[in-house]
Amino acid sequence: MTTPDDRSHGSIVELPENECLALLETTTVGRIAFVDGQGQQLVPVNFAVMNGAIYFRTLPGGFLAQLARGHDDVAFGVDHQDVFRHGWNVTVRGSAREVEDRATINQVLSNHRLEPWAGGVRPLVIKVSPTSIAGRKVSVR
């Protein structure tokens, strides 16, 4: 018979901001969360981290284009888990705005991590400027 003390115990560790940023760079898909006139939204996007900010591309007339006008309360998240019951998550909170600087737009458009998965041209570049970055690692022993 198994008792509660016989079961595996896990641990959760808060991650420093520099480790969170490093983990963000290990993956290419995250989720952008915001509230609009229809309520809460949570949308997957492929992204890249450049100079501590998160960038993604979208269609000028697409659903995510509403963030181009400026949205001061967004969250962005990524996570990972493996078969050994280890995982991590990173959550970025901040604001989203359209990038208008031509040099930054060119840098984003040439980043291979940001090639549109859905195909087509997605020239509108959105930047998420973090106000906070937090993460945790969990593991079961």
N, C-alpha and C. Protein backbone atom coordinates (compact mmCIF):
# COMPACT_ATOMS: atom_id res chain seq x y z
N MET A 1 0.83 -1.17 0.00
CA MET A 1 0.00 0.00 0.00
C MET A 1 0.88 1.25 0.00
N THR A 2 0.51 2.22 -0.82
CA THR A 2 1.27 3.46 -0.93
C THR A 2 0.71 4.50 0.02
N THR A 3 1.60 5.13 0.75
CA THR A 3 1.19 6.20 1.66
C THR A 3 1.57 7.54 1.03
N PRO A 4 0.99 8.62 1.52
CA PRO A 4 1.34 9.93 0.97
C PRO A 4 2.84 10.22 1.02
N ASP A 5 3.54 9.70 2.03
CA ASP A 5 4.97 9.97 2.14
C ASP A 5 5.78 9.18 1.12
N ASP A 6 5.19 8.15 0.49
CA ASP A 6 5.90 7.35 -0.50
C ASP A 6 5.88 8.00 -1.89
N ARG A 7 4.97 8.91 -2.12
CA ARG A 7 4.84 9.52 -3.43
C ARG A 7 5.98 10.49 -3.70
N SER A 8 6.22 10.72 -5.00
CA SER A 8 7.25 11.68 -5.40
C SER A 8 6.86 13.07 -4.95
N HIS A 9 7.85 13.85 -4.59
CA HIS A 9 7.63 15.23 -4.21
C HIS A 9 8.25 16.12 -5.27
N GLY A 10 7.60 17.23 -5.51
CA GLY A 10 8.09 18.16 -6.51
C GLY A 10 8.61 19.42 -5.88
N SER A 11 9.18 20.24 -6.73
CA SER A 11 9.66 21.53 -6.26
C SER A 11 9.34 22.58 -7.33
N ILE A 12 9.06 23.78 -6.87
CA ILE A 12 8.83 24.92 -7.74
C ILE A 12 9.85 25.97 -7.37
N VAL A 13 10.55 26.48 -8.37
CA VAL A 13 11.60 27.47 -8.16
C VAL A 13 11.29 28.70 -9.00
N GLU A 14 11.27 29.86 -8.37
CA GLU A 14 11.11 31.12 -9.09
C GLU A 14 12.39 31.39 -9.89
N LEU A 15 12.25 31.89 -11.11
CA LEU A 15 13.40 32.13 -11.97
C LEU A 15 13.74 33.62 -12.03
N PRO A 16 15.03 33.95 -12.06
CA PRO A 16 15.42 35.35 -12.22
C PRO A 16 15.11 35.81 -13.65
N GLU A 17 14.99 37.12 -13.83
CA GLU A 17 14.62 37.67 -15.13
C GLU A 17 15.57 37.25 -16.25
N ASN A 18 16.87 37.21 -16.00
CA ASN A 18 17.81 36.84 -17.07
C ASN A 18 17.60 35.40 -17.52
N GLU A 19 17.25 34.51 -16.61
CA GLU A 19 16.97 33.13 -17.00
C GLU A 19 15.65 33.04 -17.76
N CYS A 20 14.68 33.84 -17.37
CA CYS A 20 13.41 33.89 -18.11
C CYS A 20 13.65 34.32 -19.56
N LEU A 21 14.45 35.36 -19.75
CA LEU A 21 14.75 35.82 -21.11
C LEU A 21 15.48 34.75 -21.91
N ALA A 22 16.40 34.05 -21.26
CA ALA A 22 17.11 32.96 -21.95
C ALA A 22 16.14 31.85 -22.35
N LEU A 23 15.20 31.51 -21.49
CA LEU A 23 14.21 30.48 -21.82
C LEU A 23 13.29 30.92 -22.96
N LEU A 24 12.92 32.19 -22.99
CA LEU A 24 12.10 32.69 -24.09
C LEU A 24 12.78 32.44 -25.44
N GLU A 25 14.09 32.53 -25.46
CA GLU A 25 14.82 32.37 -26.71
C GLU A 25 14.97 30.91 -27.13
N THR A 26 14.51 29.96 -26.31
CA THR A 26 14.63 28.54 -26.67
C THR A 26 13.44 28.03 -27.45
N THR A 27 12.43 28.86 -27.66
CA THR A 27 11.23 28.41 -28.36
C THR A 27 10.77 29.51 -29.31
N THR A 28 9.83 29.18 -30.19
CA THR A 28 9.40 30.15 -31.18
C THR A 28 7.89 30.43 -31.15
N VAL A 29 7.15 29.71 -30.32
CA VAL A 29 5.70 29.92 -30.25
C VAL A 29 5.31 30.25 -28.82
N GLY A 30 4.53 31.30 -28.68
CA GLY A 30 4.00 31.70 -27.39
C GLY A 30 2.55 32.10 -27.57
N ARG A 31 1.96 32.64 -26.51
CA ARG A 31 0.57 33.08 -26.56
C ARG A 31 0.48 34.51 -26.05
N ILE A 32 -0.21 35.34 -26.83
CA ILE A 32 -0.45 36.72 -26.43
C ILE A 32 -1.86 36.79 -25.86
N ALA A 33 -1.99 37.40 -24.70
CA ALA A 33 -3.29 37.51 -24.04
C ALA A 33 -3.63 38.98 -23.84
N PHE A 34 -4.90 39.32 -24.09
CA PHE A 34 -5.37 40.68 -23.91
C PHE A 34 -6.90 40.66 -23.85
N VAL A 35 -7.45 41.77 -23.47
CA VAL A 35 -8.90 41.92 -23.42
C VAL A 35 -9.29 42.95 -24.47
N ASP A 36 -10.30 42.59 -25.27
CA ASP A 36 -10.83 43.54 -26.26
C ASP A 36 -12.34 43.64 -26.09
N GLY A 37 -13.02 44.21 -27.05
CA GLY A 37 -14.46 44.38 -26.96
C GLY A 37 -15.24 43.08 -26.90
N GLN A 38 -14.62 41.99 -27.29
CA GLN A 38 -15.25 40.68 -27.25
C GLN A 38 -14.91 39.91 -25.97
N GLY A 39 -14.04 40.46 -25.14
CA GLY A 39 -13.65 39.79 -23.90
C GLY A 39 -12.19 39.35 -23.92
N GLN A 40 -11.89 38.32 -23.16
CA GLN A 40 -10.52 37.82 -23.04
C GLN A 40 -10.11 37.10 -24.32
N GLN A 41 -8.87 37.34 -24.74
CA GLN A 41 -8.32 36.70 -25.93
C GLN A 41 -6.98 36.05 -25.56
N LEU A 42 -6.72 34.90 -26.12
CA LEU A 42 -5.46 34.19 -25.92
C LEU A 42 -5.11 33.56 -27.25
N VAL A 43 -4.07 34.08 -27.91
CA VAL A 43 -3.80 33.73 -29.29
C VAL A 43 -2.35 33.27 -29.44
N PRO A 44 -2.12 32.12 -30.09
CA PRO A 44 -0.74 31.69 -30.33
C PRO A 44 -0.10 32.52 -31.45
N VAL A 45 1.18 32.83 -31.26
CA VAL A 45 1.96 33.56 -32.27
C VAL A 45 3.38 33.02 -32.27
N ASN A 46 4.02 33.05 -33.44
CA ASN A 46 5.46 32.81 -33.43
C ASN A 46 6.13 34.15 -33.17
N PHE A 47 7.23 34.13 -32.47
CA PHE A 47 7.81 35.36 -31.95
C PHE A 47 9.33 35.26 -31.91
N ALA A 48 9.94 36.40 -31.67
CA ALA A 48 11.38 36.47 -31.41
C ALA A 48 11.61 37.50 -30.32
N VAL A 49 12.66 37.29 -29.55
CA VAL A 49 13.08 38.24 -28.53
C VAL A 49 14.27 39.00 -29.08
N MET A 50 14.17 40.31 -29.06
CA MET A 50 15.27 41.16 -29.50
C MET A 50 15.40 42.32 -28.53
N ASN A 51 16.58 42.49 -27.98
CA ASN A 51 16.85 43.59 -27.05
C ASN A 51 15.85 43.64 -25.90
N GLY A 52 15.49 42.47 -25.38
CA GLY A 52 14.62 42.39 -24.21
C GLY A 52 13.14 42.58 -24.48
N ALA A 53 12.75 42.76 -25.74
CA ALA A 53 11.34 42.92 -26.09
C ALA A 53 10.90 41.73 -26.97
N ILE A 54 9.61 41.52 -27.06
CA ILE A 54 9.04 40.44 -27.84
C ILE A 54 8.42 41.03 -29.10
N TYR A 55 8.70 40.41 -30.24
CA TYR A 55 8.18 40.88 -31.51
C TYR A 55 7.44 39.74 -32.20
N PHE A 56 6.32 40.10 -32.87
CA PHE A 56 5.64 39.16 -33.75
C PHE A 56 5.04 39.93 -34.91
N ARG A 57 4.68 39.19 -35.96
CA ARG A 57 4.14 39.78 -37.18
C ARG A 57 2.68 39.39 -37.35
N THR A 58 1.93 40.26 -38.02
CA THR A 58 0.53 39.96 -38.29
C THR A 58 0.08 40.69 -39.55
N LEU A 59 -1.14 40.44 -39.95
CA LEU A 59 -1.74 41.10 -41.11
C LEU A 59 -2.30 42.47 -40.69
N PRO A 60 -2.16 43.50 -41.52
CA PRO A 60 -2.71 44.80 -41.16
C PRO A 60 -4.22 44.77 -40.87
N GLY A 61 -4.97 43.93 -41.54
CA GLY A 61 -6.40 43.85 -41.30
C GLY A 61 -6.79 42.67 -40.44
N GLY A 62 -5.82 41.97 -39.88
CA GLY A 62 -6.09 40.77 -39.11
C GLY A 62 -6.52 41.04 -37.68
N PHE A 63 -6.90 39.97 -37.02
CA PHE A 63 -7.39 40.03 -35.64
C PHE A 63 -6.39 40.70 -34.70
N LEU A 64 -5.11 40.37 -34.82
CA LEU A 64 -4.11 40.91 -33.90
C LEU A 64 -3.70 42.34 -34.22
N ALA A 65 -4.14 42.86 -35.37
CA ALA A 65 -3.78 44.23 -35.75
C ALA A 65 -4.34 45.25 -34.77
N GLN A 66 -5.37 44.89 -34.01
CA GLN A 66 -5.92 45.83 -33.03
C GLN A 66 -4.87 46.22 -31.97
N LEU A 67 -3.86 45.38 -31.79
CA LEU A 67 -2.80 45.70 -30.83
C LEU A 67 -1.88 46.80 -31.34
N ALA A 68 -1.89 47.03 -32.67
CA ALA A 68 -1.02 48.04 -33.25
C ALA A 68 -1.34 49.44 -32.75
N ARG A 69 -2.59 49.69 -32.43
CA ARG A 69 -3.01 51.01 -31.95
C ARG A 69 -2.55 51.27 -30.52
N GLY A 70 -2.03 50.25 -29.89
CA GLY A 70 -1.56 50.38 -28.52
C GLY A 70 -2.50 49.71 -27.55
N HIS A 71 -1.95 48.86 -26.76
CA HIS A 71 -2.71 48.15 -25.73
C HIS A 71 -1.79 48.06 -24.53
N ASP A 72 -2.18 48.71 -23.43
CA ASP A 72 -1.29 48.85 -22.28
C ASP A 72 -1.35 47.69 -21.29
N ASP A 73 -2.16 46.70 -21.56
CA ASP A 73 -2.29 45.59 -20.61
C ASP A 73 -2.36 44.26 -21.36
N VAL A 74 -1.18 43.75 -21.73
CA VAL A 74 -1.11 42.45 -22.39
C VAL A 74 -0.25 41.52 -21.54
N ALA A 75 -0.44 40.25 -21.78
CA ALA A 75 0.45 39.24 -21.19
C ALA A 75 0.90 38.34 -22.32
N PHE A 76 2.09 37.83 -22.19
CA PHE A 76 2.66 36.92 -23.18
C PHE A 76 3.26 35.76 -22.42
N GLY A 77 2.98 34.54 -22.84
CA GLY A 77 3.48 33.39 -22.10
C GLY A 77 4.00 32.28 -22.99
N VAL A 78 4.99 31.59 -22.45
CA VAL A 78 5.52 30.36 -23.05
C VAL A 78 5.71 29.36 -21.94
N ASP A 79 5.67 28.10 -22.30
CA ASP A 79 5.94 27.05 -21.31
C ASP A 79 6.50 25.83 -22.00
N HIS A 80 7.02 24.93 -21.19
CA HIS A 80 7.61 23.69 -21.69
C HIS A 80 7.50 22.63 -20.60
N GLN A 81 7.23 21.42 -21.02
CA GLN A 81 7.28 20.29 -20.09
C GLN A 81 7.82 19.09 -20.84
N ASP A 82 8.41 18.15 -20.09
CA ASP A 82 8.93 16.94 -20.73
C ASP A 82 8.30 15.71 -20.09
N VAL A 83 8.66 14.54 -20.62
CA VAL A 83 8.07 13.29 -20.13
C VAL A 83 8.56 12.93 -18.74
N PHE A 84 9.59 13.58 -18.27
CA PHE A 84 10.13 13.29 -16.95
C PHE A 84 9.50 14.17 -15.87
N ARG A 85 8.44 14.87 -16.24
CA ARG A 85 7.68 15.72 -15.32
C ARG A 85 8.52 16.89 -14.79
N HIS A 86 9.28 17.46 -15.72
CA HIS A 86 9.99 18.71 -15.46
C HIS A 86 9.42 19.75 -16.42
N GLY A 87 9.37 20.97 -16.00
CA GLY A 87 8.86 21.99 -16.89
C GLY A 87 9.17 23.39 -16.39
N TRP A 88 8.81 24.35 -17.21
CA TRP A 88 8.99 25.74 -16.84
C TRP A 88 7.94 26.59 -17.55
N ASN A 89 7.72 27.77 -17.02
CA ASN A 89 6.88 28.74 -17.71
C ASN A 89 7.46 30.14 -17.50
N VAL A 90 7.21 30.99 -18.47
CA VAL A 90 7.61 32.39 -18.40
C VAL A 90 6.40 33.23 -18.78
N THR A 91 6.12 34.25 -17.99
CA THR A 91 5.03 35.17 -18.28
C THR A 91 5.59 36.59 -18.32
N VAL A 92 5.30 37.27 -19.41
CA VAL A 92 5.71 38.66 -19.60
C VAL A 92 4.45 39.51 -19.56
N ARG A 93 4.49 40.56 -18.78
CA ARG A 93 3.39 41.53 -18.77
C ARG A 93 3.93 42.84 -19.30
N GLY A 94 3.06 43.56 -20.03
CA GLY A 94 3.51 44.83 -20.57
C GLY A 94 2.51 45.45 -21.51
N SER A 95 3.04 46.20 -22.45
CA SER A 95 2.20 46.89 -23.43
C SER A 95 2.59 46.45 -24.84
N ALA A 96 1.64 46.55 -25.76
CA ALA A 96 1.87 46.18 -27.16
C ALA A 96 1.60 47.40 -28.03
N ARG A 97 2.44 47.57 -29.04
CA ARG A 97 2.32 48.68 -29.99
C ARG A 97 2.91 48.26 -31.33
N GLU A 98 2.46 48.94 -32.37
CA GLU A 98 3.04 48.75 -33.69
C GLU A 98 4.45 49.33 -33.71
N VAL A 99 5.35 48.64 -34.38
CA VAL A 99 6.70 49.16 -34.58
C VAL A 99 6.67 50.04 -35.83
N GLU A 100 7.15 51.26 -35.71
CA GLU A 100 7.16 52.18 -36.85
C GLU A 100 8.56 52.51 -37.32
N ASP A 101 9.57 52.16 -36.54
CA ASP A 101 10.97 52.41 -36.90
C ASP A 101 11.38 51.44 -38.01
N ARG A 102 11.76 52.00 -39.17
CA ARG A 102 12.07 51.18 -40.34
C ARG A 102 13.23 50.21 -40.09
N ALA A 103 14.24 50.60 -39.37
CA ALA A 103 15.38 49.72 -39.10
C ALA A 103 14.94 48.50 -38.28
N THR A 104 14.11 48.73 -37.27
CA THR A 104 13.61 47.62 -36.45
C THR A 104 12.68 46.73 -37.26
N ILE A 105 11.81 47.32 -38.06
CA ILE A 105 10.93 46.53 -38.92
C ILE A 105 11.74 45.63 -39.83
N ASN A 106 12.78 46.17 -40.46
CA ASN A 106 13.63 45.37 -41.35
C ASN A 106 14.31 44.25 -40.59
N GLN A 107 14.77 44.53 -39.38
CA GLN A 107 15.41 43.51 -38.56
C GLN A 107 14.42 42.39 -38.24
N VAL A 108 13.20 42.74 -37.89
CA VAL A 108 12.17 41.74 -37.57
C VAL A 108 11.80 40.95 -38.81
N LEU A 109 11.56 41.63 -39.93
CA LEU A 109 11.15 40.94 -41.14
C LEU A 109 12.22 40.00 -41.68
N SER A 110 13.47 40.26 -41.36
CA SER A 110 14.55 39.37 -41.83
C SER A 110 14.88 38.26 -40.83
N ASN A 111 14.25 38.26 -39.67
CA ASN A 111 14.50 37.24 -38.65
C ASN A 111 13.81 35.94 -39.05
N HIS A 112 14.59 34.88 -39.27
CA HIS A 112 14.01 33.60 -39.74
C HIS A 112 13.02 33.00 -38.74
N ARG A 113 13.14 33.35 -37.47
CA ARG A 113 12.19 32.83 -36.46
C ARG A 113 10.79 33.41 -36.65
N LEU A 114 10.70 34.51 -37.39
CA LEU A 114 9.42 35.19 -37.55
C LEU A 114 8.80 35.00 -38.93
N GLU A 115 9.25 34.02 -39.67
CA GLU A 115 8.59 33.72 -40.94
C GLU A 115 7.19 33.19 -40.62
N PRO A 116 6.16 33.75 -41.30
CA PRO A 116 4.79 33.36 -40.98
C PRO A 116 4.54 31.87 -41.20
N TRP A 117 4.01 31.21 -40.21
CA TRP A 117 3.65 29.80 -40.32
C TRP A 117 2.46 29.62 -41.25
N ALA A 118 1.54 30.58 -41.20
CA ALA A 118 0.32 30.46 -42.00
C ALA A 118 0.53 30.91 -43.44
N GLY A 119 1.73 31.33 -43.77
CA GLY A 119 2.00 31.79 -45.12
C GLY A 119 1.51 33.21 -45.33
N GLY A 120 1.75 33.68 -46.53
CA GLY A 120 1.32 35.04 -46.86
C GLY A 120 2.25 36.09 -46.30
N VAL A 121 1.94 37.31 -46.63
CA VAL A 121 2.74 38.44 -46.18
C VAL A 121 2.12 38.98 -44.90
N ARG A 122 2.93 39.13 -43.88
CA ARG A 122 2.48 39.67 -42.61
C ARG A 122 3.43 40.81 -42.22
N PRO A 123 3.21 41.99 -42.84
CA PRO A 123 4.17 43.08 -42.68
C PRO A 123 4.02 43.92 -41.42
N LEU A 124 2.90 43.77 -40.70
CA LEU A 124 2.68 44.57 -39.50
C LEU A 124 3.46 43.95 -38.34
N VAL A 125 4.34 44.72 -37.74
CA VAL A 125 5.19 44.24 -36.65
C VAL A 125 4.69 44.82 -35.34
N ILE A 126 4.43 43.93 -34.38
CA ILE A 126 3.98 44.32 -33.05
C ILE A 126 5.10 44.05 -32.05
N LYS A 127 5.30 45.00 -31.16
CA LYS A 127 6.31 44.87 -30.11
C LYS A 127 5.61 44.82 -28.76
N VAL A 128 5.98 43.84 -27.95
CA VAL A 128 5.53 43.78 -26.56
C VAL A 128 6.69 44.28 -25.70
N SER A 129 6.48 45.42 -25.05
CA SER A 129 7.49 46.00 -24.17
C SER A 129 7.19 45.55 -22.74
N PRO A 130 8.08 44.75 -22.15
CA PRO A 130 7.81 44.21 -20.82
C PRO A 130 7.86 45.26 -19.71
N THR A 131 6.91 45.12 -18.78
CA THR A 131 6.99 45.85 -17.51
C THR A 131 7.36 44.88 -16.40
N SER A 132 7.09 43.58 -16.63
CA SER A 132 7.53 42.55 -15.69
C SER A 132 7.73 41.24 -16.44
N ILE A 133 8.69 40.48 -15.96
CA ILE A 133 9.00 39.16 -16.52
C ILE A 133 9.18 38.22 -15.34
N ALA A 134 8.40 37.13 -15.33
CA ALA A 134 8.49 36.18 -14.22
C ALA A 134 8.42 34.77 -14.78
N GLY A 135 9.01 33.86 -14.06
CA GLY A 135 8.97 32.47 -14.50
C GLY A 135 9.20 31.52 -13.34
N ARG A 136 8.86 30.26 -13.59
CA ARG A 136 9.05 29.22 -12.58
C ARG A 136 9.47 27.93 -13.27
N LYS A 137 10.25 27.15 -12.55
CA LYS A 137 10.60 25.79 -12.97
C LYS A 137 9.97 24.85 -11.97
N VAL A 138 9.45 23.74 -12.47
CA VAL A 138 8.87 22.72 -11.59
C VAL A 138 9.50 21.38 -11.96
N SER A 139 9.73 20.57 -10.97
CA SER A 139 10.24 19.22 -11.22
C SER A 139 9.71 18.28 -10.15
N VAL A 140 9.54 17.05 -10.54
CA VAL A 140 9.10 16.01 -9.62
C VAL A 140 10.28 15.07 -9.41
N ARG A 141 10.57 14.79 -8.16
CA ARG A 141 11.70 13.92 -7.86
C ARG A 141 11.22 12.51 -7.69
